[in-house]
Amino acid sequence: MNLEITDKAIEWFKRELEFNDDQALRIIVRYGGEFQLKQGFSPAFTVDSLDSSEVGFKDEKDNITFFIDEKDLWYFKDNDLLIDLNEHDEIKYVAKAAK
């Protein structure tokens, strides 16, 4: 599993969300949604503290830490995920089979 967030998406997160010093961008798995790596589920995001979870994946880009809980890694198994912006300035997800 590889998670990539484009510079445009990082700027969007900075502009649209408020981060305190101890907060990060948590990528979560939710039921439903348009984009689905596994049938019935889709990725989403929230601003949260790293202290509140068991981190399974963590990275940092442009002073924003993003992470996935250990319990949600099953969803991303065998896939690489790109988070970018679409033509309407909205977050979009693009998946590829993991290398």
N, C-alpha and C. Protein backbone atom coordinates (compact mmCIF):
# COMPACT_ATOMS: atom_id res chain seq x y z
N MET A 1 0.83 -1.18 0.00
CA MET A 1 0.00 0.00 0.00
C MET A 1 0.88 1.24 0.00
N ASN A 2 0.54 2.17 -0.87
CA ASN A 2 1.19 3.46 -0.89
C ASN A 2 0.10 4.52 -0.94
N LEU A 3 0.27 5.57 -0.17
CA LEU A 3 -0.68 6.68 -0.15
C LEU A 3 0.04 7.93 -0.60
N GLU A 4 -0.47 8.56 -1.65
CA GLU A 4 0.13 9.79 -2.16
C GLU A 4 -0.93 10.89 -2.15
N ILE A 5 -0.53 12.06 -1.68
CA ILE A 5 -1.41 13.23 -1.69
C ILE A 5 -0.72 14.30 -2.52
N THR A 6 -1.40 14.80 -3.54
CA THR A 6 -0.79 15.80 -4.42
C THR A 6 -0.65 17.14 -3.70
N ASP A 7 0.21 17.99 -4.24
CA ASP A 7 0.39 19.33 -3.68
C ASP A 7 -0.92 20.12 -3.72
N LYS A 8 -1.70 19.96 -4.79
CA LYS A 8 -2.99 20.66 -4.89
C LYS A 8 -3.94 20.21 -3.78
N ALA A 9 -3.96 18.92 -3.48
CA ALA A 9 -4.83 18.41 -2.42
C ALA A 9 -4.35 18.91 -1.05
N ILE A 10 -3.04 18.94 -0.82
CA ILE A 10 -2.52 19.45 0.45
C ILE A 10 -2.94 20.90 0.64
N GLU A 11 -2.82 21.71 -0.39
CA GLU A 11 -3.23 23.12 -0.30
C GLU A 11 -4.73 23.22 -0.02
N TRP A 12 -5.53 22.36 -0.62
CA TRP A 12 -6.97 22.34 -0.36
C TRP A 12 -7.25 22.03 1.10
N PHE A 13 -6.57 20.99 1.63
CA PHE A 13 -6.76 20.63 3.04
C PHE A 13 -6.38 21.80 3.95
N LYS A 14 -5.29 22.47 3.66
CA LYS A 14 -4.86 23.62 4.48
C LYS A 14 -5.88 24.76 4.41
N ARG A 15 -6.44 24.97 3.24
CA ARG A 15 -7.38 26.07 3.05
C ARG A 15 -8.76 25.76 3.67
N GLU A 16 -9.20 24.52 3.57
CA GLU A 16 -10.57 24.15 3.97
C GLU A 16 -10.70 23.62 5.40
N LEU A 17 -9.62 23.10 5.96
CA LEU A 17 -9.67 22.50 7.29
C LEU A 17 -8.80 23.27 8.26
N GLU A 18 -9.14 23.19 9.53
CA GLU A 18 -8.33 23.84 10.56
C GLU A 18 -7.56 22.77 11.33
N PHE A 19 -6.26 22.96 11.39
CA PHE A 19 -5.39 22.03 12.11
C PHE A 19 -4.76 22.75 13.30
N ASN A 20 -4.90 22.18 14.50
CA ASN A 20 -4.14 22.64 15.65
C ASN A 20 -2.78 21.95 15.60
N ASP A 21 -1.88 22.37 16.46
CA ASP A 21 -0.52 21.82 16.45
C ASP A 21 -0.47 20.31 16.66
N ASP A 22 -1.41 19.78 17.41
CA ASP A 22 -1.38 18.35 17.74
C ASP A 22 -2.31 17.53 16.85
N GLN A 23 -2.79 18.10 15.75
CA GLN A 23 -3.74 17.39 14.91
C GLN A 23 -3.15 17.00 13.56
N ALA A 24 -3.78 16.00 12.96
CA ALA A 24 -3.33 15.47 11.69
C ALA A 24 -4.54 15.12 10.84
N LEU A 25 -4.31 14.77 9.60
CA LEU A 25 -5.36 14.37 8.68
C LEU A 25 -5.50 12.85 8.75
N ARG A 26 -6.62 12.39 9.25
CA ARG A 26 -6.86 10.95 9.36
C ARG A 26 -7.66 10.50 8.14
N ILE A 27 -7.15 9.51 7.42
CA ILE A 27 -7.87 8.89 6.32
C ILE A 27 -8.65 7.73 6.93
N ILE A 28 -9.96 7.77 6.76
CA ILE A 28 -10.82 6.76 7.39
C ILE A 28 -11.56 5.96 6.32
N VAL A 29 -12.16 4.87 6.75
CA VAL A 29 -12.99 4.04 5.89
C VAL A 29 -14.43 4.21 6.37
N ARG A 30 -15.32 4.48 5.41
CA ARG A 30 -16.73 4.66 5.77
C ARG A 30 -17.60 3.78 4.88
N TYR A 31 -18.79 3.52 5.35
CA TYR A 31 -19.74 2.74 4.58
C TYR A 31 -20.38 3.63 3.53
N GLY A 32 -20.45 3.17 2.28
CA GLY A 32 -21.06 3.93 1.21
C GLY A 32 -20.07 4.83 0.51
N GLY A 33 -20.59 5.74 -0.29
CA GLY A 33 -19.75 6.67 -1.03
C GLY A 33 -19.59 6.26 -2.48
N GLU A 34 -19.17 7.22 -3.31
CA GLU A 34 -19.03 6.96 -4.75
C GLU A 34 -17.80 6.12 -5.07
N PHE A 35 -16.64 6.53 -4.59
CA PHE A 35 -15.38 5.83 -4.88
C PHE A 35 -15.25 4.65 -3.93
N GLN A 36 -15.07 3.44 -4.47
CA GLN A 36 -14.98 2.27 -3.60
C GLN A 36 -13.85 1.35 -4.04
N LEU A 37 -12.86 1.19 -3.16
CA LEU A 37 -11.81 0.20 -3.39
C LEU A 37 -12.36 -1.19 -3.11
N LYS A 38 -13.13 -1.31 -2.05
CA LYS A 38 -13.79 -2.55 -1.67
C LYS A 38 -15.28 -2.26 -1.67
N GLN A 39 -16.06 -3.15 -2.25
CA GLN A 39 -17.48 -2.92 -2.43
C GLN A 39 -18.17 -2.53 -1.13
N GLY A 40 -18.91 -1.42 -1.19
CA GLY A 40 -19.68 -0.96 -0.05
C GLY A 40 -18.98 0.04 0.84
N PHE A 41 -17.68 0.27 0.63
CA PHE A 41 -16.91 1.17 1.49
C PHE A 41 -16.12 2.17 0.66
N SER A 42 -15.87 3.33 1.23
CA SER A 42 -15.08 4.35 0.54
C SER A 42 -14.19 5.08 1.54
N PRO A 43 -13.11 5.71 1.04
CA PRO A 43 -12.25 6.50 1.93
C PRO A 43 -12.90 7.85 2.19
N ALA A 44 -12.55 8.41 3.31
CA ALA A 44 -12.97 9.76 3.69
C ALA A 44 -11.86 10.32 4.57
N PHE A 45 -12.05 11.50 5.11
CA PHE A 45 -11.01 12.09 5.94
C PHE A 45 -11.63 12.91 7.07
N THR A 46 -10.83 13.11 8.09
CA THR A 46 -11.22 13.94 9.22
C THR A 46 -9.95 14.50 9.84
N VAL A 47 -10.08 15.55 10.62
CA VAL A 47 -8.96 16.10 11.37
C VAL A 47 -9.03 15.50 12.76
N ASP A 48 -7.93 14.91 13.22
CA ASP A 48 -7.93 14.21 14.49
C ASP A 48 -6.54 14.22 15.10
N SER A 49 -6.46 13.82 16.34
CA SER A 49 -5.19 13.72 17.04
C SER A 49 -4.58 12.34 16.82
N LEU A 50 -3.27 12.32 16.65
CA LEU A 50 -2.57 11.04 16.52
C LEU A 50 -2.69 10.21 17.79
N ASP A 51 -2.86 10.87 18.92
CA ASP A 51 -2.93 10.18 20.21
C ASP A 51 -4.19 9.35 20.35
N SER A 52 -5.20 9.62 19.52
CA SER A 52 -6.49 8.97 19.70
C SER A 52 -6.62 7.65 18.94
N SER A 53 -5.53 7.17 18.35
CA SER A 53 -5.67 5.95 17.56
C SER A 53 -4.40 5.11 17.57
N GLU A 54 -4.55 3.88 17.08
CA GLU A 54 -3.42 3.01 16.84
C GLU A 54 -3.03 3.19 15.38
N VAL A 55 -1.96 3.92 15.15
CA VAL A 55 -1.56 4.30 13.80
C VAL A 55 -0.96 3.10 13.06
N GLY A 56 -1.51 2.82 11.87
CA GLY A 56 -1.00 1.75 11.03
C GLY A 56 -0.14 2.26 9.90
N PHE A 57 -0.38 3.49 9.47
CA PHE A 57 0.38 4.14 8.41
C PHE A 57 0.44 5.63 8.73
N LYS A 58 1.62 6.22 8.55
CA LYS A 58 1.78 7.64 8.84
C LYS A 58 2.80 8.23 7.89
N ASP A 59 2.54 9.44 7.43
CA ASP A 59 3.48 10.16 6.56
C ASP A 59 3.26 11.64 6.79
N GLU A 60 4.16 12.45 6.27
CA GLU A 60 4.03 13.90 6.39
C GLU A 60 4.37 14.55 5.06
N LYS A 61 3.60 15.59 4.73
CA LYS A 61 3.86 16.35 3.52
C LYS A 61 3.51 17.80 3.79
N ASP A 62 4.44 18.69 3.53
CA ASP A 62 4.22 20.13 3.68
C ASP A 62 3.63 20.48 5.06
N ASN A 63 4.23 19.91 6.09
CA ASN A 63 3.87 20.15 7.48
C ASN A 63 2.49 19.64 7.88
N ILE A 64 1.90 18.77 7.09
CA ILE A 64 0.66 18.10 7.48
C ILE A 64 0.96 16.61 7.62
N THR A 65 0.69 16.08 8.79
CA THR A 65 0.81 14.65 9.00
C THR A 65 -0.51 14.01 8.60
N PHE A 66 -0.44 12.93 7.83
CA PHE A 66 -1.65 12.19 7.50
C PHE A 66 -1.42 10.74 7.91
N PHE A 67 -2.51 10.08 8.33
CA PHE A 67 -2.36 8.73 8.85
C PHE A 67 -3.62 7.91 8.63
N ILE A 68 -3.43 6.59 8.77
CA ILE A 68 -4.52 5.62 8.69
C ILE A 68 -4.41 4.75 9.94
N ASP A 69 -5.54 4.51 10.58
CA ASP A 69 -5.57 3.62 11.73
C ASP A 69 -5.22 2.19 11.33
N GLU A 70 -4.61 1.47 12.23
CA GLU A 70 -4.29 0.07 12.01
C GLU A 70 -5.54 -0.72 11.61
N LYS A 71 -6.67 -0.45 12.25
CA LYS A 71 -7.91 -1.19 11.99
C LYS A 71 -8.48 -0.93 10.59
N ASP A 72 -8.02 0.13 9.91
CA ASP A 72 -8.53 0.46 8.58
C ASP A 72 -7.59 0.05 7.44
N LEU A 73 -6.44 -0.51 7.76
CA LEU A 73 -5.48 -0.89 6.71
C LEU A 73 -6.01 -1.96 5.78
N TRP A 74 -6.92 -2.81 6.23
CA TRP A 74 -7.50 -3.86 5.39
C TRP A 74 -8.08 -3.27 4.10
N TYR A 75 -8.64 -2.11 4.20
CA TYR A 75 -9.31 -1.49 3.06
C TYR A 75 -8.33 -1.13 1.94
N PHE A 76 -7.12 -0.76 2.32
CA PHE A 76 -6.13 -0.30 1.35
C PHE A 76 -5.20 -1.42 0.86
N LYS A 77 -5.34 -2.61 1.44
CA LYS A 77 -4.47 -3.72 1.07
C LYS A 77 -4.55 -3.98 -0.44
N ASP A 78 -3.41 -4.20 -1.04
CA ASP A 78 -3.27 -4.51 -2.47
C ASP A 78 -3.56 -3.32 -3.38
N ASN A 79 -3.66 -2.12 -2.83
CA ASN A 79 -3.94 -0.93 -3.63
C ASN A 79 -3.04 0.23 -3.23
N ASP A 80 -2.71 1.07 -4.20
CA ASP A 80 -2.09 2.36 -3.95
C ASP A 80 -3.18 3.40 -4.15
N LEU A 81 -3.18 4.42 -3.32
CA LEU A 81 -4.23 5.43 -3.38
C LEU A 81 -3.61 6.80 -3.59
N LEU A 82 -4.14 7.54 -4.54
CA LEU A 82 -3.75 8.92 -4.80
C LEU A 82 -4.91 9.81 -4.42
N ILE A 83 -4.63 10.85 -3.64
CA ILE A 83 -5.63 11.85 -3.29
C ILE A 83 -5.26 13.13 -4.03
N ASP A 84 -6.19 13.63 -4.81
CA ASP A 84 -5.95 14.78 -5.68
C ASP A 84 -7.21 15.65 -5.70
N LEU A 85 -7.22 16.67 -6.56
CA LEU A 85 -8.41 17.49 -6.76
C LEU A 85 -8.99 17.23 -8.14
N ASN A 86 -10.31 17.29 -8.26
CA ASN A 86 -10.94 17.17 -9.57
C ASN A 86 -11.11 18.56 -10.19
N GLU A 87 -11.74 18.62 -11.34
CA GLU A 87 -11.90 19.89 -12.06
C GLU A 87 -12.83 20.87 -11.35
N HIS A 88 -13.57 20.39 -10.33
CA HIS A 88 -14.48 21.26 -9.56
C HIS A 88 -13.87 21.69 -8.22
N ASP A 89 -12.56 21.50 -8.06
CA ASP A 89 -11.85 21.84 -6.83
C ASP A 89 -12.39 21.04 -5.63
N GLU A 90 -12.64 19.75 -5.88
CA GLU A 90 -13.10 18.84 -4.84
C GLU A 90 -12.10 17.69 -4.73
N ILE A 91 -12.01 17.12 -3.55
CA ILE A 91 -11.12 15.98 -3.34
C ILE A 91 -11.59 14.79 -4.17
N LYS A 92 -10.64 14.14 -4.84
CA LYS A 92 -10.95 12.90 -5.56
C LYS A 92 -9.91 11.85 -5.18
N TYR A 93 -10.32 10.60 -5.31
CA TYR A 93 -9.46 9.46 -5.01
C TYR A 93 -9.21 8.68 -6.29
N VAL A 94 -7.98 8.24 -6.47
CA VAL A 94 -7.62 7.42 -7.63
C VAL A 94 -6.85 6.22 -7.10
N ALA A 95 -7.27 5.02 -7.50
CA ALA A 95 -6.64 3.79 -7.02
C ALA A 95 -5.91 3.09 -8.14
N LYS A 96 -4.82 2.43 -7.76
CA LYS A 96 -4.07 1.57 -8.67
C LYS A 96 -3.71 0.31 -7.90
N ALA A 97 -3.55 -0.78 -8.62
CA ALA A 97 -3.09 -2.00 -7.96
C ALA A 97 -1.70 -1.75 -7.40
N ALA A 98 -1.46 -2.22 -6.20
CA ALA A 98 -0.15 -2.04 -5.56
C ALA A 98 0.94 -2.75 -6.36
N LYS A 99 2.11 -2.14 -6.34
CA LYS A 99 3.25 -2.72 -7.07
C LYS A 99 3.88 -3.85 -6.30
